[in-house]
Amino acid sequence: MTEIIHPTEEIRISDGAKVDLHFSVAIENGVEIDNTRSRPEPVSLVIGDGNLLPGFEKALFGLRAGDRRTVHLPPEEAFGEWNPENIQRFDTVKFEQRPVIGHMIEFEDKAKSNLFGVVKTVNDDITEVDFNHPLAGKNITFEVEIFKVTPAGQQGVKLM
């Protein structure tokens, strides 16, 4: 039997809530990186499940269905600062094919996890690969529209 709850106040986004939303992400010059508005239905996510960066989740806390928000996030709250230590040097001869500047290459780390890096420079001896996130060091504009908020633990409960 499904429990029916009659809400007495508007439900606000908090940790563990399921949220249906549309969003867009752009870098500071206005170039859009991602947008869910072209999808027929809003996307669903659970706050705190790791699918959104903490800075994006923080911007959602306290919002409710019908709310819209535009948030400007500095690099440390978005994709992190650009770190020069994430540039790695490899012997060019160790690649199966000569790397091409700008191409993304997949690597496997010691823990057998996949890492992606962008080729920055190539010469006969050394190839430099940047393992920073492509949006690291960039200010981000995050726009969101909330359609539905379901409190933590009530994802299978009908609201009347």
N, C-alpha and C. Protein backbone atom coordinates (compact mmCIF):
# COMPACT_ATOMS: atom_id res chain seq x y z
N MET A 1 0.84 -1.17 0.00
CA MET A 1 0.00 0.00 0.00
C MET A 1 0.89 1.25 0.00
N THR A 2 0.56 2.22 -0.82
CA THR A 2 1.34 3.44 -0.93
C THR A 2 0.84 4.46 0.08
N GLU A 3 1.77 5.00 0.83
CA GLU A 3 1.44 6.04 1.81
C GLU A 3 1.19 7.35 1.06
N ILE A 4 0.15 8.07 1.43
CA ILE A 4 -0.17 9.35 0.82
C ILE A 4 0.16 10.45 1.81
N ILE A 5 0.93 11.41 1.34
CA ILE A 5 1.33 12.53 2.19
C ILE A 5 0.70 13.80 1.65
N HIS A 6 0.15 14.59 2.52
CA HIS A 6 -0.39 15.89 2.15
C HIS A 6 0.61 16.94 2.60
N PRO A 7 1.31 17.56 1.64
CA PRO A 7 2.32 18.53 2.04
C PRO A 7 1.70 19.74 2.70
N THR A 8 2.32 20.19 3.79
CA THR A 8 1.81 21.36 4.50
C THR A 8 2.61 22.60 4.16
N GLU A 9 3.75 22.43 3.53
CA GLU A 9 4.55 23.57 3.10
C GLU A 9 5.27 23.20 1.81
N GLU A 10 5.76 24.19 1.12
CA GLU A 10 6.46 23.92 -0.12
C GLU A 10 7.77 23.19 0.16
N ILE A 11 8.05 22.20 -0.65
CA ILE A 11 9.23 21.37 -0.45
C ILE A 11 10.44 22.07 -1.07
N ARG A 12 11.47 22.24 -0.28
CA ARG A 12 12.70 22.87 -0.75
C ARG A 12 13.79 21.82 -0.93
N ILE A 13 14.71 22.11 -1.82
CA ILE A 13 15.80 21.18 -2.10
C ILE A 13 16.74 21.10 -0.90
N SER A 14 17.01 19.86 -0.48
CA SER A 14 17.97 19.60 0.59
C SER A 14 18.70 18.31 0.24
N ASP A 15 19.67 17.93 1.06
CA ASP A 15 20.46 16.74 0.79
C ASP A 15 19.57 15.51 0.70
N GLY A 16 19.78 14.71 -0.34
CA GLY A 16 19.02 13.48 -0.54
C GLY A 16 17.74 13.66 -1.34
N ALA A 17 17.35 14.90 -1.61
CA ALA A 17 16.12 15.14 -2.38
C ALA A 17 16.32 14.74 -3.84
N LYS A 18 15.25 14.24 -4.43
CA LYS A 18 15.25 13.98 -5.88
C LYS A 18 14.72 15.25 -6.53
N VAL A 19 15.43 15.72 -7.56
CA VAL A 19 15.08 16.98 -8.21
C VAL A 19 14.94 16.75 -9.71
N ASP A 20 13.83 17.23 -10.27
CA ASP A 20 13.64 17.25 -11.72
C ASP A 20 13.91 18.67 -12.18
N LEU A 21 14.83 18.83 -13.14
CA LEU A 21 15.26 20.17 -13.53
C LEU A 21 15.78 20.21 -14.96
N HIS A 22 15.84 21.42 -15.47
CA HIS A 22 16.58 21.70 -16.70
C HIS A 22 17.70 22.63 -16.31
N PHE A 23 18.85 22.50 -16.97
CA PHE A 23 19.96 23.39 -16.66
C PHE A 23 20.77 23.68 -17.91
N SER A 24 21.57 24.72 -17.82
CA SER A 24 22.59 25.00 -18.83
C SER A 24 23.85 25.44 -18.11
N VAL A 25 24.98 25.16 -18.75
CA VAL A 25 26.28 25.54 -18.22
C VAL A 25 27.03 26.27 -19.33
N ALA A 26 27.55 27.46 -18.99
CA ALA A 26 28.31 28.24 -19.97
C ALA A 26 29.58 28.75 -19.31
N ILE A 27 30.61 29.00 -20.12
CA ILE A 27 31.81 29.63 -19.59
C ILE A 27 31.60 31.14 -19.66
N GLU A 28 32.49 31.88 -19.00
CA GLU A 28 32.27 33.30 -18.78
C GLU A 28 32.10 34.12 -20.04
N ASN A 29 32.58 33.65 -21.18
CA ASN A 29 32.40 34.42 -22.41
C ASN A 29 31.06 34.14 -23.09
N GLY A 30 30.21 33.33 -22.43
CA GLY A 30 28.87 33.05 -22.93
C GLY A 30 28.74 31.79 -23.76
N VAL A 31 29.84 31.13 -24.04
CA VAL A 31 29.78 29.89 -24.82
C VAL A 31 29.15 28.79 -23.97
N GLU A 32 28.04 28.25 -24.47
CA GLU A 32 27.33 27.20 -23.74
C GLU A 32 28.05 25.86 -23.90
N ILE A 33 28.24 25.17 -22.78
CA ILE A 33 28.94 23.89 -22.74
C ILE A 33 27.95 22.72 -22.70
N ASP A 34 26.86 22.90 -21.97
CA ASP A 34 25.87 21.83 -21.82
C ASP A 34 24.51 22.47 -21.61
N ASN A 35 23.46 21.77 -22.06
CA ASN A 35 22.11 22.29 -21.95
C ASN A 35 21.15 21.12 -22.03
N THR A 36 20.23 21.02 -21.05
CA THR A 36 19.25 19.93 -21.07
C THR A 36 17.89 20.38 -21.61
N ARG A 37 17.75 21.65 -21.96
CA ARG A 37 16.44 22.17 -22.38
C ARG A 37 15.94 21.57 -23.69
N SER A 38 16.81 21.01 -24.49
CA SER A 38 16.38 20.40 -25.75
C SER A 38 15.76 19.02 -25.53
N ARG A 39 15.90 18.49 -24.34
CA ARG A 39 15.30 17.19 -24.02
C ARG A 39 13.81 17.37 -23.76
N PRO A 40 13.00 16.38 -24.12
CA PRO A 40 11.56 16.52 -23.92
C PRO A 40 11.15 16.56 -22.44
N GLU A 41 11.93 15.93 -21.60
CA GLU A 41 11.63 15.88 -20.17
C GLU A 41 12.81 16.44 -19.38
N PRO A 42 12.53 17.04 -18.22
CA PRO A 42 13.64 17.48 -17.36
C PRO A 42 14.48 16.28 -16.93
N VAL A 43 15.72 16.52 -16.55
CA VAL A 43 16.58 15.46 -16.01
C VAL A 43 16.29 15.33 -14.53
N SER A 44 16.52 14.14 -13.99
CA SER A 44 16.32 13.88 -12.56
C SER A 44 17.65 13.52 -11.94
N LEU A 45 17.85 14.00 -10.73
CA LEU A 45 19.05 13.65 -9.98
C LEU A 45 18.73 13.70 -8.50
N VAL A 46 19.59 13.06 -7.74
CA VAL A 46 19.46 13.06 -6.28
C VAL A 46 20.61 13.89 -5.72
N ILE A 47 20.27 14.88 -4.90
CA ILE A 47 21.27 15.75 -4.32
C ILE A 47 22.18 14.94 -3.40
N GLY A 48 23.48 15.02 -3.63
CA GLY A 48 24.45 14.30 -2.81
C GLY A 48 24.87 12.96 -3.39
N ASP A 49 24.35 12.59 -4.57
CA ASP A 49 24.72 11.29 -5.13
C ASP A 49 26.00 11.33 -5.96
N GLY A 50 26.60 12.51 -6.08
CA GLY A 50 27.86 12.64 -6.79
C GLY A 50 27.74 12.93 -8.28
N ASN A 51 26.51 13.05 -8.80
CA ASN A 51 26.35 13.34 -10.22
C ASN A 51 26.54 14.81 -10.57
N LEU A 52 26.43 15.68 -9.59
CA LEU A 52 26.67 17.11 -9.80
C LEU A 52 27.85 17.53 -8.95
N LEU A 53 28.62 18.48 -9.45
CA LEU A 53 29.72 19.02 -8.64
C LEU A 53 29.16 19.73 -7.42
N PRO A 54 29.87 19.71 -6.31
CA PRO A 54 29.38 20.34 -5.08
C PRO A 54 28.96 21.80 -5.25
N GLY A 55 29.68 22.57 -6.05
CA GLY A 55 29.31 23.97 -6.27
C GLY A 55 27.97 24.12 -6.95
N PHE A 56 27.64 23.21 -7.86
CA PHE A 56 26.35 23.23 -8.54
C PHE A 56 25.25 22.81 -7.56
N GLU A 57 25.52 21.78 -6.76
CA GLU A 57 24.53 21.34 -5.77
C GLU A 57 24.24 22.44 -4.75
N LYS A 58 25.29 23.09 -4.28
CA LYS A 58 25.14 24.17 -3.31
C LYS A 58 24.20 25.25 -3.84
N ALA A 59 24.29 25.52 -5.13
CA ALA A 59 23.43 26.55 -5.75
C ALA A 59 21.96 26.14 -5.75
N LEU A 60 21.68 24.84 -5.63
CA LEU A 60 20.30 24.35 -5.66
C LEU A 60 19.62 24.34 -4.29
N PHE A 61 20.40 24.27 -3.23
CA PHE A 61 19.82 24.15 -1.89
C PHE A 61 18.85 25.28 -1.61
N GLY A 62 17.68 24.92 -1.11
CA GLY A 62 16.66 25.89 -0.73
C GLY A 62 15.70 26.25 -1.85
N LEU A 63 16.00 25.85 -3.09
CA LEU A 63 15.07 26.13 -4.19
C LEU A 63 13.89 25.18 -4.11
N ARG A 64 12.81 25.55 -4.79
CA ARG A 64 11.60 24.71 -4.83
C ARG A 64 11.06 24.69 -6.25
N ALA A 65 10.10 23.84 -6.52
CA ALA A 65 9.50 23.73 -7.85
C ALA A 65 9.03 25.11 -8.31
N GLY A 66 9.36 25.43 -9.55
CA GLY A 66 9.00 26.72 -10.12
C GLY A 66 10.11 27.75 -10.05
N ASP A 67 11.11 27.51 -9.21
CA ASP A 67 12.21 28.47 -9.07
C ASP A 67 13.16 28.36 -10.26
N ARG A 68 13.75 29.52 -10.58
CA ARG A 68 14.83 29.61 -11.57
C ARG A 68 15.97 30.35 -10.90
N ARG A 69 17.19 29.98 -11.26
CA ARG A 69 18.34 30.66 -10.67
C ARG A 69 19.49 30.65 -11.68
N THR A 70 20.21 31.76 -11.70
CA THR A 70 21.45 31.86 -12.45
C THR A 70 22.55 32.11 -11.43
N VAL A 71 23.57 31.27 -11.48
CA VAL A 71 24.67 31.35 -10.51
C VAL A 71 25.99 31.44 -11.28
N HIS A 72 26.84 32.37 -10.85
CA HIS A 72 28.17 32.50 -11.42
C HIS A 72 29.15 31.85 -10.44
N LEU A 73 29.84 30.83 -10.91
CA LEU A 73 30.73 30.07 -10.05
C LEU A 73 32.20 30.30 -10.45
N PRO A 74 33.05 30.62 -9.47
CA PRO A 74 34.48 30.71 -9.77
C PRO A 74 35.04 29.30 -9.96
N PRO A 75 36.23 29.19 -10.54
CA PRO A 75 36.79 27.86 -10.82
C PRO A 75 36.80 26.90 -9.62
N GLU A 76 37.14 27.41 -8.43
CA GLU A 76 37.24 26.52 -7.28
C GLU A 76 35.90 25.92 -6.87
N GLU A 77 34.77 26.51 -7.29
CA GLU A 77 33.45 25.96 -6.99
C GLU A 77 32.85 25.21 -8.18
N ALA A 78 33.56 25.22 -9.29
CA ALA A 78 33.07 24.55 -10.49
C ALA A 78 33.98 23.37 -10.83
N PHE A 79 34.87 23.54 -11.80
CA PHE A 79 35.70 22.43 -12.26
C PHE A 79 37.13 22.49 -11.74
N GLY A 80 37.38 23.36 -10.78
CA GLY A 80 38.69 23.45 -10.15
C GLY A 80 39.62 24.42 -10.85
N GLU A 81 40.68 24.75 -10.14
CA GLU A 81 41.72 25.62 -10.70
C GLU A 81 42.55 24.82 -11.69
N TRP A 82 43.10 25.50 -12.68
CA TRP A 82 44.02 24.86 -13.59
C TRP A 82 45.32 24.62 -12.85
N ASN A 83 45.85 23.39 -12.93
CA ASN A 83 47.02 23.00 -12.16
C ASN A 83 48.16 22.62 -13.11
N PRO A 84 49.26 23.38 -13.10
CA PRO A 84 50.37 23.05 -14.00
C PRO A 84 50.98 21.67 -13.74
N GLU A 85 50.77 21.13 -12.54
CA GLU A 85 51.29 19.79 -12.23
C GLU A 85 50.52 18.69 -12.96
N ASN A 86 49.38 19.04 -13.56
CA ASN A 86 48.61 18.07 -14.33
C ASN A 86 49.07 17.96 -15.78
N ILE A 87 50.14 18.66 -16.12
CA ILE A 87 50.76 18.50 -17.43
C ILE A 87 51.84 17.43 -17.27
N GLN A 88 51.71 16.37 -18.03
CA GLN A 88 52.66 15.25 -17.94
C GLN A 88 53.43 15.13 -19.25
N ARG A 89 54.66 14.69 -19.13
CA ARG A 89 55.54 14.52 -20.29
C ARG A 89 55.78 13.03 -20.54
N PHE A 90 55.69 12.65 -21.81
CA PHE A 90 55.87 11.25 -22.21
C PHE A 90 56.86 11.20 -23.36
N ASP A 91 57.57 10.07 -23.45
CA ASP A 91 58.43 9.85 -24.62
C ASP A 91 57.53 9.67 -25.84
N THR A 92 57.74 10.47 -26.84
CA THR A 92 56.90 10.42 -28.04
C THR A 92 56.94 9.05 -28.70
N VAL A 93 58.10 8.40 -28.67
CA VAL A 93 58.24 7.09 -29.34
C VAL A 93 57.40 6.00 -28.67
N LYS A 94 56.92 6.21 -27.45
CA LYS A 94 56.14 5.19 -26.75
C LYS A 94 54.68 5.13 -27.20
N PHE A 95 54.23 6.12 -27.98
CA PHE A 95 52.87 6.11 -28.49
C PHE A 95 52.82 5.23 -29.74
N GLU A 96 51.70 4.49 -29.91
CA GLU A 96 51.54 3.65 -31.09
C GLU A 96 51.54 4.48 -32.36
N GLN A 97 50.86 5.63 -32.30
CA GLN A 97 50.83 6.56 -33.42
C GLN A 97 51.30 7.91 -32.91
N ARG A 98 51.87 8.70 -33.78
CA ARG A 98 52.34 10.02 -33.37
C ARG A 98 51.15 10.85 -32.89
N PRO A 99 51.20 11.36 -31.65
CA PRO A 99 50.09 12.16 -31.12
C PRO A 99 49.87 13.44 -31.94
N VAL A 100 48.64 13.93 -31.91
CA VAL A 100 48.27 15.14 -32.64
C VAL A 100 47.85 16.19 -31.62
N ILE A 101 48.42 17.38 -31.72
CA ILE A 101 48.08 18.46 -30.80
C ILE A 101 46.58 18.72 -30.83
N GLY A 102 45.99 18.82 -29.63
CA GLY A 102 44.56 19.07 -29.51
C GLY A 102 43.71 17.82 -29.37
N HIS A 103 44.26 16.66 -29.72
CA HIS A 103 43.49 15.42 -29.61
C HIS A 103 43.46 14.95 -28.16
N MET A 104 42.34 14.31 -27.80
CA MET A 104 42.20 13.73 -26.48
C MET A 104 42.65 12.27 -26.56
N ILE A 105 43.45 11.87 -25.58
CA ILE A 105 43.96 10.50 -25.52
C ILE A 105 43.53 9.88 -24.20
N GLU A 106 43.14 8.61 -24.26
CA GLU A 106 42.76 7.88 -23.06
C GLU A 106 43.97 7.12 -22.52
N PHE A 107 44.16 7.23 -21.21
CA PHE A 107 45.24 6.54 -20.51
C PHE A 107 44.62 5.70 -19.41
N GLU A 108 45.39 4.75 -18.91
CA GLU A 108 44.96 3.96 -17.75
C GLU A 108 45.97 4.20 -16.64
N ASP A 109 45.46 4.57 -15.44
CA ASP A 109 46.37 4.82 -14.33
C ASP A 109 46.71 3.50 -13.62
N LYS A 110 47.49 3.58 -12.56
CA LYS A 110 47.94 2.38 -11.84
C LYS A 110 46.78 1.59 -11.24
N ALA A 111 45.67 2.29 -10.93
CA ALA A 111 44.50 1.63 -10.35
C ALA A 111 43.56 1.10 -11.43
N LYS A 112 44.01 1.13 -12.68
CA LYS A 112 43.23 0.65 -13.83
C LYS A 112 42.01 1.54 -14.13
N SER A 113 42.05 2.80 -13.67
CA SER A 113 41.00 3.76 -14.00
C SER A 113 41.37 4.47 -15.29
N ASN A 114 40.37 4.89 -16.05
CA ASN A 114 40.62 5.61 -17.29
C ASN A 114 40.80 7.09 -17.00
N LEU A 115 41.82 7.67 -17.59
CA LEU A 115 42.09 9.10 -17.51
C LEU A 115 42.17 9.65 -18.92
N PHE A 116 41.69 10.86 -19.10
CA PHE A 116 41.76 11.49 -20.41
C PHE A 116 42.64 12.72 -20.33
N GLY A 117 43.44 12.91 -21.35
CA GLY A 117 44.31 14.07 -21.42
C GLY A 117 44.31 14.63 -22.83
N VAL A 118 44.61 15.92 -22.94
CA VAL A 118 44.66 16.59 -24.23
C VAL A 118 46.12 16.84 -24.59
N VAL A 119 46.50 16.46 -25.79
CA VAL A 119 47.86 16.65 -26.27
C VAL A 119 48.11 18.14 -26.46
N LYS A 120 49.14 18.66 -25.78
CA LYS A 120 49.48 20.10 -25.85
C LYS A 120 50.65 20.38 -26.78
N THR A 121 51.70 19.57 -26.69
CA THR A 121 52.86 19.76 -27.57
C THR A 121 53.39 18.39 -27.98
N VAL A 122 53.99 18.35 -29.17
CA VAL A 122 54.59 17.11 -29.67
C VAL A 122 55.89 17.49 -30.39
N ASN A 123 56.96 16.80 -30.03
CA ASN A 123 58.18 16.88 -30.85
C ASN A 123 58.74 15.47 -30.95
N ASP A 124 59.89 15.32 -31.56
CA ASP A 124 60.43 13.97 -31.79
C ASP A 124 60.73 13.22 -30.49
N ASP A 125 61.02 13.97 -29.41
CA ASP A 125 61.41 13.34 -28.15
C ASP A 125 60.28 13.28 -27.12
N ILE A 126 59.60 14.40 -26.90
CA ILE A 126 58.65 14.53 -25.78
C ILE A 126 57.27 14.99 -26.28
N THR A 127 56.23 14.39 -25.68
CA THR A 127 54.85 14.82 -25.90
C THR A 127 54.29 15.25 -24.56
N GLU A 128 53.72 16.45 -24.50
CA GLU A 128 53.10 16.95 -23.28
C GLU A 128 51.59 16.76 -23.37
N VAL A 129 51.02 16.22 -22.29
CA VAL A 129 49.59 15.94 -22.22
C VAL A 129 49.03 16.65 -20.99
N ASP A 130 47.93 17.36 -21.17
CA ASP A 130 47.27 18.11 -20.10
C ASP A 130 46.12 17.27 -19.54
N PHE A 131 46.21 16.90 -18.26
CA PHE A 131 45.18 16.10 -17.60
C PHE A 131 44.20 16.96 -16.79
N ASN A 132 44.29 18.28 -16.89
CA ASN A 132 43.31 19.15 -16.24
C ASN A 132 41.96 18.96 -16.93
N HIS A 133 40.87 19.15 -16.19
CA HIS A 133 39.56 19.16 -16.81
C HIS A 133 39.55 20.29 -17.82
N PRO A 134 38.94 20.10 -18.99
CA PRO A 134 38.93 21.17 -20.00
C PRO A 134 38.34 22.50 -19.51
N LEU A 135 37.50 22.45 -18.48
CA LEU A 135 36.91 23.68 -17.94
C LEU A 135 37.60 24.17 -16.67
N ALA A 136 38.70 23.52 -16.29
CA ALA A 136 39.45 23.96 -15.11
C ALA A 136 39.95 25.38 -15.32
N GLY A 137 39.87 26.17 -14.26
CA GLY A 137 40.34 27.55 -14.32
C GLY A 137 39.37 28.53 -14.94
N LYS A 138 38.19 28.06 -15.29
CA LYS A 138 37.21 28.93 -15.95
C LYS A 138 36.07 29.29 -15.00
N ASN A 139 35.60 30.53 -15.11
CA ASN A 139 34.39 30.95 -14.41
C ASN A 139 33.21 30.39 -15.18
N ILE A 140 32.23 29.86 -14.45
CA ILE A 140 31.10 29.16 -15.04
C ILE A 140 29.79 29.85 -14.66
N THR A 141 28.87 29.92 -15.64
CA THR A 141 27.51 30.38 -15.36
C THR A 141 26.60 29.16 -15.44
N PHE A 142 25.88 28.93 -14.36
CA PHE A 142 24.99 27.78 -14.21
C PHE A 142 23.57 28.31 -14.09
N GLU A 143 22.72 27.97 -15.06
CA GLU A 143 21.31 28.37 -15.02
C GLU A 143 20.47 27.13 -14.80
N VAL A 144 19.49 27.26 -13.91
CA VAL A 144 18.68 26.09 -13.57
C VAL A 144 17.22 26.50 -13.42
N GLU A 145 16.33 25.58 -13.82
CA GLU A 145 14.90 25.73 -13.60
C GLU A 145 14.41 24.45 -12.93
N ILE A 146 13.77 24.59 -11.77
CA ILE A 146 13.33 23.44 -10.98
C ILE A 146 11.87 23.12 -11.33
N PHE A 147 11.61 21.85 -11.64
CA PHE A 147 10.26 21.41 -11.98
C PHE A 147 9.59 20.65 -10.84
N LYS A 148 10.37 19.83 -10.13
CA LYS A 148 9.78 19.01 -9.06
C LYS A 148 10.85 18.70 -8.04
N VAL A 149 10.45 18.69 -6.75
CA VAL A 149 11.35 18.32 -5.66
C VAL A 149 10.65 17.25 -4.84
N THR A 150 11.31 16.11 -4.67
CA THR A 150 10.79 15.03 -3.84
C THR A 150 11.77 14.86 -2.67
N PRO A 151 11.29 15.01 -1.43
CA PRO A 151 12.19 14.91 -0.28
C PRO A 151 12.89 13.55 -0.20
N ALA A 152 14.03 13.54 0.46
CA ALA A 152 14.78 12.31 0.67
C ALA A 152 13.89 11.27 1.33
N GLY A 153 13.97 10.04 0.85
CA GLY A 153 13.21 8.96 1.45
C GLY A 153 11.77 8.86 0.99
N GLN A 154 11.32 9.80 0.15
CA GLN A 154 9.93 9.78 -0.32
C GLN A 154 9.82 9.57 -1.81
N GLN A 155 10.87 9.05 -2.45
CA GLN A 155 10.84 8.89 -3.88
C GLN A 155 9.74 7.92 -4.36
N GLY A 156 9.30 7.00 -3.53
CA GLY A 156 8.24 6.08 -3.92
C GLY A 156 6.90 6.43 -3.31
N VAL A 157 6.77 7.62 -2.74
CA VAL A 157 5.55 8.03 -2.04
C VAL A 157 4.75 8.97 -2.92
N LYS A 158 3.43 8.78 -2.98
CA LYS A 158 2.58 9.68 -3.75
C LYS A 158 2.18 10.89 -2.91
N LEU A 159 2.31 12.06 -3.51
CA LEU A 159 1.86 13.27 -2.85
C LEU A 159 0.47 13.65 -3.36
N MET A 160 -0.41 14.06 -2.47
CA MET A 160 -1.78 14.47 -2.88
C MET A 160 -1.96 15.92 -2.60
